[in-house]
Amino acid sequence: MNHIPSIIQTIPLTHYIILSTMLFVVGLVGVMVRKNIIIVFMCIEIMLNAVNLMFVAASIYYSNTAGQIMVFFTMAVAAAEVSVGLAIIVMVYKNLKTTNIDMFNRLKG
């Protein structure tokens, strides 16, 4: 464990697990409770970042780069998700003039 930075050595892995879990739960509650699609989208991104934090913490703690590589690819996919998601939100807003999720039942056809 000599090559692990000293700040990582002083913070136990359980603290990272707790922080990651708390962030994930905050994001999940936001997805379940909020009605604005932009806020829901941001909560999904918080959940994704909580998982990325856990990958990086475990990767550094166990001296394995697989978690960091996974985060790299996850962030690349998240960038594509953000662009497509925001494009969909803009198109829905143009058609419905609202970002309220309850109004999306008009899209059923």
C-alpha atoms as a PDB file:
ATOM      1  CA  MET A   1       0.000   0.000   0.000  1.00  0.00           C
ATOM      2  CA  ASN A   2       2.993   2.331  -0.365  1.00  0.00           C
ATOM      3  CA  HIS A   3       1.874   3.686  -3.740  1.00  0.00           C
ATOM      4  CA  ILE A   4      -1.578   4.774  -2.507  1.00  0.00           C
ATOM      5  CA  PRO A   5      -1.738   8.536  -1.774  1.00  0.00           C
ATOM      6  CA  SER A   6      -1.682   9.365   1.921  1.00  0.00           C
ATOM      7  CA  ILE A   7      -5.103  11.052   1.928  1.00  0.00           C
ATOM      8  CA  ILE A   8      -6.668   7.876   0.564  1.00  0.00           C
ATOM      9  CA  GLN A   9      -4.938   5.798   3.225  1.00  0.00           C
ATOM     10  CA  THR A  10      -6.385   7.950   5.998  1.00  0.00           C
ATOM     11  CA  ILE A  11      -9.972   7.707   4.751  1.00  0.00           C
ATOM     12  CA  PRO A  12     -11.360   4.174   5.092  1.00  0.00           C
ATOM     13  CA  LEU A  13     -13.208   2.563   2.208  1.00  0.00           C
ATOM     14  CA  THR A  14     -16.377   2.386   4.316  1.00  0.00           C
ATOM     15  CA  HIS A  15     -16.588   6.195   4.293  1.00  0.00           C
ATOM     16  CA  TYR A  16     -16.527   6.188   0.514  1.00  0.00           C
ATOM     17  CA  ILE A  17     -19.198   3.488   0.483  1.00  0.00           C
ATOM     18  CA  ILE A  18     -21.386   5.523   2.836  1.00  0.00           C
ATOM     19  CA  LEU A  19     -20.912   8.726   0.804  1.00  0.00           C
ATOM     20  CA  SER A  20     -21.610   6.928  -2.448  1.00  0.00           C
ATOM     21  CA  THR A  21     -24.724   5.302  -1.006  1.00  0.00           C
ATOM     22  CA  MET A  22     -25.992   8.620   0.335  1.00  0.00           C
ATOM     23  CA  LEU A  23     -25.493  10.299  -3.040  1.00  0.00           C
ATOM     24  CA  PHE A  24     -27.259   7.435  -4.784  1.00  0.00           C
ATOM     25  CA  VAL A  25     -30.206   7.606  -2.377  1.00  0.00           C
ATOM     26  CA  VAL A  26     -30.485  11.393  -2.802  1.00  0.00           C
ATOM     27  CA  GLY A  27     -30.583  10.907  -6.565  1.00  0.00           C
ATOM     28  CA  LEU A  28     -33.131   8.104  -6.294  1.00  0.00           C
ATOM     29  CA  VAL A  29     -35.403  10.158  -4.043  1.00  0.00           C
ATOM     30  CA  GLY A  30     -35.118  13.053  -6.480  1.00  0.00           C
ATOM     31  CA  VAL A  31     -36.136  10.820  -9.377  1.00  0.00           C
ATOM     32  CA  MET A  32     -39.132   9.483  -7.455  1.00  0.00           C
ATOM     33  CA  VAL A  33     -40.369  12.772  -5.979  1.00  0.00           C
ATOM     34  CA  ARG A  34     -39.661  15.549  -8.479  1.00  0.00           C
ATOM     35  CA  LYS A  35     -41.996  16.477 -11.322  1.00  0.00           C
ATOM     36  CA  ASN A  36     -39.628  18.602 -13.430  1.00  0.00           C
ATOM     37  CA  ILE A  37     -37.896  16.517 -16.096  1.00  0.00           C
ATOM     38  CA  ILE A  38     -34.698  18.596 -15.915  1.00  0.00           C
ATOM     39  CA  ILE A  39     -34.407  18.013 -12.156  1.00  0.00           C
ATOM     40  CA  VAL A  40     -35.092  14.303 -12.667  1.00  0.00           C
ATOM     41  CA  PHE A  41     -32.376  14.215 -15.315  1.00  0.00           C
ATOM     42  CA  MET A  42     -29.904  15.857 -12.920  1.00  0.00           C
ATOM     43  CA  CYS A  43     -30.832  13.349 -10.205  1.00  0.00           C
ATOM     44  CA  ILE A  44     -30.071  10.499 -12.601  1.00  0.00           C
ATOM     45  CA  GLU A  45     -26.662  12.066 -13.203  1.00  0.00           C
ATOM     46  CA  ILE A  46     -26.105  12.264  -9.424  1.00  0.00           C
ATOM     47  CA  MET A  47     -26.851   8.550  -9.201  1.00  0.00           C
ATOM     48  CA  LEU A  48     -24.396   7.851 -12.009  1.00  0.00           C
ATOM     49  CA  ASN A  49     -21.700   9.908 -10.304  1.00  0.00           C
ATOM     50  CA  ALA A  50     -22.290   8.051  -7.032  1.00  0.00           C
ATOM     51  CA  VAL A  51     -21.559   4.789  -8.808  1.00  0.00           C
ATOM     52  CA  ASN A  52     -18.471   6.325 -10.416  1.00  0.00           C
ATOM     53  CA  LEU A  53     -17.241   7.462  -7.000  1.00  0.00           C
ATOM     54  CA  MET A  54     -17.588   3.928  -5.702  1.00  0.00           C
ATOM     55  CA  PHE A  55     -15.698   2.518  -8.690  1.00  0.00           C
ATOM     56  CA  VAL A  56     -12.810   4.946  -8.200  1.00  0.00           C
ATOM     57  CA  ALA A  57     -12.643   4.490  -4.423  1.00  0.00           C
ATOM     58  CA  ALA A  58     -12.593   0.701  -4.672  1.00  0.00           C
ATOM     59  CA  SER A  59     -10.110   0.851  -7.528  1.00  0.00           C
ATOM     60  CA  ILE A  60      -7.668   3.001  -5.588  1.00  0.00           C
ATOM     61  CA  TYR A  61      -8.183   1.113  -2.339  1.00  0.00           C
ATOM     62  CA  TYR A  62      -7.521  -2.287  -3.924  1.00  0.00           C
ATOM     63  CA  SER A  63      -4.782  -0.970  -6.271  1.00  0.00           C
ATOM     64  CA  ASN A  64      -6.614  -2.159  -9.370  1.00  0.00           C
ATOM     65  CA  THR A  65      -7.090   0.097 -12.376  1.00  0.00           C
ATOM     66  CA  ALA A  66     -10.162  -1.743 -13.670  1.00  0.00           C
ATOM     67  CA  GLY A  67     -12.510   0.540 -11.731  1.00  0.00           C
ATOM     68  CA  GLN A  68     -10.864   3.666 -13.097  1.00  0.00           C
ATOM     69  CA  ILE A  69     -11.107   2.328 -16.642  1.00  0.00           C
ATOM     70  CA  MET A  70     -14.780   1.546 -16.038  1.00  0.00           C
ATOM     71  CA  VAL A  71     -15.353   5.130 -14.865  1.00  0.00           C
ATOM     72  CA  PHE A  72     -13.678   6.448 -18.012  1.00  0.00           C
ATOM     73  CA  PHE A  73     -16.071   4.514 -20.249  1.00  0.00           C
ATOM     74  CA  THR A  74     -19.046   5.311 -18.023  1.00  0.00           C
ATOM     75  CA  MET A  75     -18.315   9.027 -18.332  1.00  0.00           C
ATOM     76  CA  ALA A  76     -18.087   8.703 -22.112  1.00  0.00           C
ATOM     77  CA  VAL A  77     -21.493   7.009 -22.191  1.00  0.00           C
ATOM     78  CA  ALA A  78     -22.863   9.632 -19.778  1.00  0.00           C
ATOM     79  CA  ALA A  79     -21.763  12.419 -22.126  1.00  0.00           C
ATOM     80  CA  ALA A  80     -23.724  10.807 -24.945  1.00  0.00           C
ATOM     81  CA  GLU A  81     -26.663  10.292 -22.584  1.00  0.00           C
ATOM     82  CA  VAL A  82     -26.648  13.966 -21.626  1.00  0.00           C
ATOM     83  CA  SER A  83     -26.666  15.156 -25.212  1.00  0.00           C
ATOM     84  CA  VAL A  84     -29.467  12.817 -26.279  1.00  0.00           C
ATOM     85  CA  GLY A  85     -31.461  13.402 -23.089  1.00  0.00           C
ATOM     86  CA  LEU A  86     -31.286  17.178 -23.348  1.00  0.00           C
ATOM     87  CA  ALA A  87     -32.253  17.017 -27.023  1.00  0.00           C
ATOM     88  CA  ILE A  88     -35.324  14.967 -26.107  1.00  0.00           C
ATOM     89  CA  ILE A  89     -36.195  17.377 -23.298  1.00  0.00           C
ATOM     90  CA  VAL A  90     -35.934  20.366 -25.660  1.00  0.00           C
ATOM     91  CA  MET A  91     -38.161  18.680 -28.254  1.00  0.00           C
ATOM     92  CA  VAL A  92     -40.751  17.748 -25.630  1.00  0.00           C
ATOM     93  CA  TYR A  93     -40.689  21.310 -24.294  1.00  0.00           C
ATOM     94  CA  LYS A  94     -41.226  22.694 -27.802  1.00  0.00           C
ATOM     95  CA  ASN A  95     -44.272  20.452 -28.279  1.00  0.00           C
ATOM     96  CA  LEU A  96     -45.877  20.589 -24.825  1.00  0.00           C
ATOM     97  CA  LYS A  97     -44.549  23.937 -23.487  1.00  0.00           C
ATOM     98  CA  THR A  98     -43.878  22.313 -20.107  1.00  0.00           C
ATOM     99  CA  THR A  99     -41.237  20.250 -18.348  1.00  0.00           C
ATOM    100  CA  ASN A 100     -43.738  18.643 -15.981  1.00  0.00           C
ATOM    101  CA  ILE A 101     -43.543  14.846 -16.115  1.00  0.00           C
ATOM    102  CA  ASP A 102     -47.283  14.472 -15.507  1.00  0.00           C
ATOM    103  CA  MET A 103     -48.000  16.064 -18.880  1.00  0.00           C
ATOM    104  CA  PHE A 104     -46.026  13.389 -20.741  1.00  0.00           C
ATOM    105  CA  ASN A 105     -49.039  11.074 -20.962  1.00  0.00           C
ATOM    106  CA  ARG A 106     -50.038  13.103 -24.054  1.00  0.00           C
ATOM    107  CA  LEU A 107     -47.164  11.411 -25.904  1.00  0.00           C
ATOM    108  CA  LYS A 108     -48.871   8.001 -25.784  1.00  0.00           C
ATOM    109  CA  GLY A 109     -50.534   8.606 -29.138  1.00  0.00           C
END
